[in-house]
Amino acid sequence: MASAPESPPTSGVSALERLNRARRPAQPPPRKPMRELPEPPSAEEPTPQAAEEPRAPAPAPGRANVTKYAPEGELPPDAPVRGLGQRVRDPVYERLDDVVHALSKRRLRTSKTELLEMLLWELPVDERGLDQLATRLRRFQERHPTLGRRR
């Protein structure tokens, strides 16, 4: 009695590779294209004032361009979350840990994340505050340089 021809035996590895190929997810959707910013008008070109669309009110004098969340406003508890994932030198991390622990001894429960959010939220956005921050940052960089920073 003639039997059907058998396919050549496959190794477990090749069978596993075929299975993995079949399980691969489809290509992720393409990223949103970057928004194209309009070219600034040249000094020689007059800009038509009457034909323009109504604009949003101009920011207050002395204000930098900020995101939709401003320190004067509230930080919504349901605001989207992003991973900051920054690496810091060990003494900085230990200091942050010590501060959180010292606050807990004062019966103020917090976390490193909440403390960092507060500090970041209170960063200045006005020109004077940014100038002061830049001065402090330069002083910090001079006193505590990192290995990768080129001078």
Protein backbone atom coordinates (compact mmCIF):
# COMPACT_ATOMS: atom_id res chain seq x y z
CA MET A 1 0.00 0.00 0.00
CA ALA A 2 1.43 3.36 -1.04
CA SER A 3 1.34 6.11 1.54
CA ALA A 4 1.28 9.82 0.85
CA PRO A 5 4.72 11.35 0.56
CA GLU A 6 5.76 12.86 3.87
CA SER A 7 7.19 16.36 4.03
CA PRO A 8 10.76 16.57 5.18
CA PRO A 9 11.04 16.77 8.96
CA THR A 10 11.44 20.34 10.20
CA SER A 11 13.56 21.30 13.12
CA GLY A 12 11.94 22.82 16.17
CA VAL A 13 13.86 26.05 15.58
CA SER A 14 12.54 26.56 12.04
CA ALA A 15 9.00 25.79 13.18
CA LEU A 16 9.38 28.35 15.99
CA GLU A 17 10.71 30.96 13.53
CA ARG A 18 7.67 30.40 11.29
CA LEU A 19 5.39 30.81 14.28
CA ASN A 20 7.12 34.05 15.36
CA ARG A 21 6.90 35.44 11.83
CA ALA A 22 3.17 34.78 11.84
CA ARG A 23 2.75 36.55 15.21
CA ARG A 24 4.60 39.73 14.28
CA PRO A 25 2.37 42.75 14.69
CA ALA A 26 1.51 44.86 11.71
CA GLN A 27 3.64 47.91 11.11
CA PRO A 28 2.80 50.64 13.64
CA PRO A 29 0.87 53.56 12.21
CA PRO A 30 3.12 56.29 10.85
CA ARG A 31 3.86 59.17 13.17
CA LYS A 32 1.89 62.32 12.68
CA PRO A 33 3.72 64.55 10.23
CA MET A 34 5.31 67.59 11.79
CA ARG A 35 3.26 70.71 11.57
CA GLU A 36 4.73 73.08 9.06
CA LEU A 37 5.32 76.49 10.53
CA PRO A 38 4.60 79.45 8.29
CA GLU A 39 7.57 81.35 7.00
CA PRO A 40 8.07 84.63 8.84
CA PRO A 41 7.31 87.59 6.58
CA SER A 42 10.35 89.32 5.21
CA ALA A 43 11.01 92.95 6.08
CA GLU A 44 10.41 94.00 2.45
CA GLU A 45 7.00 92.29 2.21
CA PRO A 46 4.12 94.26 3.69
CA THR A 47 1.70 91.99 5.55
CA PRO A 48 -1.97 92.42 4.73
CA GLN A 49 -3.57 93.38 8.06
CA ALA A 50 -7.20 93.51 6.96
CA ALA A 51 -7.30 90.04 5.37
CA GLU A 52 -5.93 88.22 8.41
CA GLU A 53 -8.03 85.91 10.50
CA PRO A 54 -8.75 87.02 14.05
CA ARG A 55 -5.85 86.09 16.30
CA ALA A 56 -5.74 84.92 19.87
CA PRO A 57 -4.93 87.68 22.33
CA ALA A 58 -1.24 88.46 22.57
CA PRO A 59 0.56 87.12 25.63
CA ALA A 60 1.10 89.49 28.50
CA PRO A 61 4.26 91.60 28.16
CA GLY A 62 7.34 89.90 29.53
CA ARG A 63 5.86 86.41 29.15
CA ALA A 64 7.64 83.63 27.30
CA ASN A 65 5.73 81.38 24.96
CA VAL A 66 4.37 78.64 27.24
CA THR A 67 2.33 75.49 26.88
CA LYS A 68 -1.38 75.26 27.56
CA TYR A 69 -0.57 74.53 31.21
CA ALA A 70 0.76 77.56 33.01
CA PRO A 71 1.98 77.66 36.63
CA GLU A 72 -0.71 80.19 37.56
CA GLY A 73 -3.34 77.68 36.50
CA GLU A 74 -4.20 74.36 38.01
CA LEU A 75 -2.42 71.12 37.30
CA PRO A 76 -5.33 68.82 36.47
CA PRO A 77 -5.15 65.44 38.23
CA ASP A 78 -6.23 63.75 34.98
CA ALA A 79 -3.66 65.50 32.76
CA PRO A 80 -1.93 63.08 30.38
CA VAL A 81 1.15 61.46 31.90
CA ARG A 82 4.53 61.14 30.19
CA GLY A 83 7.57 59.21 31.33
CA LEU A 84 10.42 61.52 32.24
CA GLY A 85 12.87 58.68 32.79
CA GLN A 86 15.92 60.78 33.51
CA ARG A 87 19.01 59.36 35.12
CA VAL A 88 20.60 61.37 37.90
CA ARG A 89 23.83 61.00 39.80
CA ASP A 90 23.59 58.95 42.97
CA PRO A 91 24.09 61.81 45.48
CA VAL A 92 21.20 63.73 43.85
CA TYR A 93 18.93 60.69 44.08
CA GLU A 94 19.91 60.10 47.72
CA ARG A 95 19.22 63.74 48.52
CA LEU A 96 15.77 63.52 46.93
CA ASP A 97 15.10 60.36 48.91
CA ASP A 98 16.24 62.08 52.14
CA VAL A 99 13.94 65.06 51.49
CA VAL A 100 10.93 62.80 50.91
CA HIS A 101 11.79 60.91 54.13
CA ALA A 102 12.23 64.15 56.12
CA LEU A 103 8.84 65.37 54.87
CA SER A 104 7.22 62.11 55.97
CA LYS A 105 8.66 62.66 59.49
CA ARG A 106 6.77 65.97 59.42
CA ARG A 107 3.61 64.03 58.64
CA LEU A 108 3.55 65.19 55.02
CA ARG A 109 3.19 62.18 52.76
CA THR A 110 4.60 62.64 49.29
CA SER A 111 6.60 60.82 46.67
CA LYS A 112 9.69 61.61 44.62
CA THR A 113 7.45 61.97 41.58
CA GLU A 114 5.13 64.45 43.28
CA LEU A 115 8.05 66.47 44.61
CA LEU A 116 9.67 66.62 41.15
CA GLU A 117 6.34 67.59 39.57
CA MET A 118 6.02 70.46 42.05
CA LEU A 119 9.55 71.69 41.35
CA LEU A 120 9.08 71.45 37.58
CA TRP A 121 5.65 73.08 37.73
CA GLU A 122 7.09 76.05 39.58
CA LEU A 123 9.86 76.70 37.06
CA PRO A 124 9.72 80.29 35.84
CA VAL A 125 8.22 81.18 32.49
CA ASP A 126 8.75 84.94 32.46
CA GLU A 127 11.93 86.52 31.05
CA ARG A 128 13.25 87.72 34.40
CA GLY A 129 12.69 84.33 36.02
CA LEU A 130 14.33 82.52 33.08
CA ASP A 131 17.35 84.84 33.32
CA GLN A 132 17.69 84.04 37.03
CA LEU A 133 17.28 80.34 36.32
CA ALA A 134 19.96 80.51 33.62
CA THR A 135 22.34 82.17 36.07
CA ARG A 136 21.66 79.50 38.70
CA LEU A 137 22.06 76.72 36.12
CA ARG A 138 25.42 78.08 34.90
CA ARG A 139 26.64 78.30 38.51
CA PHE A 140 25.47 74.71 39.13
CA GLN A 141 27.19 73.48 35.94
CA GLU A 142 30.45 75.13 36.98
CA ARG A 143 30.36 73.72 40.51
CA HIS A 144 29.05 70.24 39.57
CA PRO A 145 30.15 69.37 36.01
CA THR A 146 29.09 66.09 34.43
CA LEU A 147 31.51 63.77 32.68
CA GLY A 148 29.84 64.12 29.29
CA ARG A 149 29.60 67.91 29.20
CA ARG A 150 32.09 69.56 26.90
CA ARG A 151 33.35 73.01 27.75
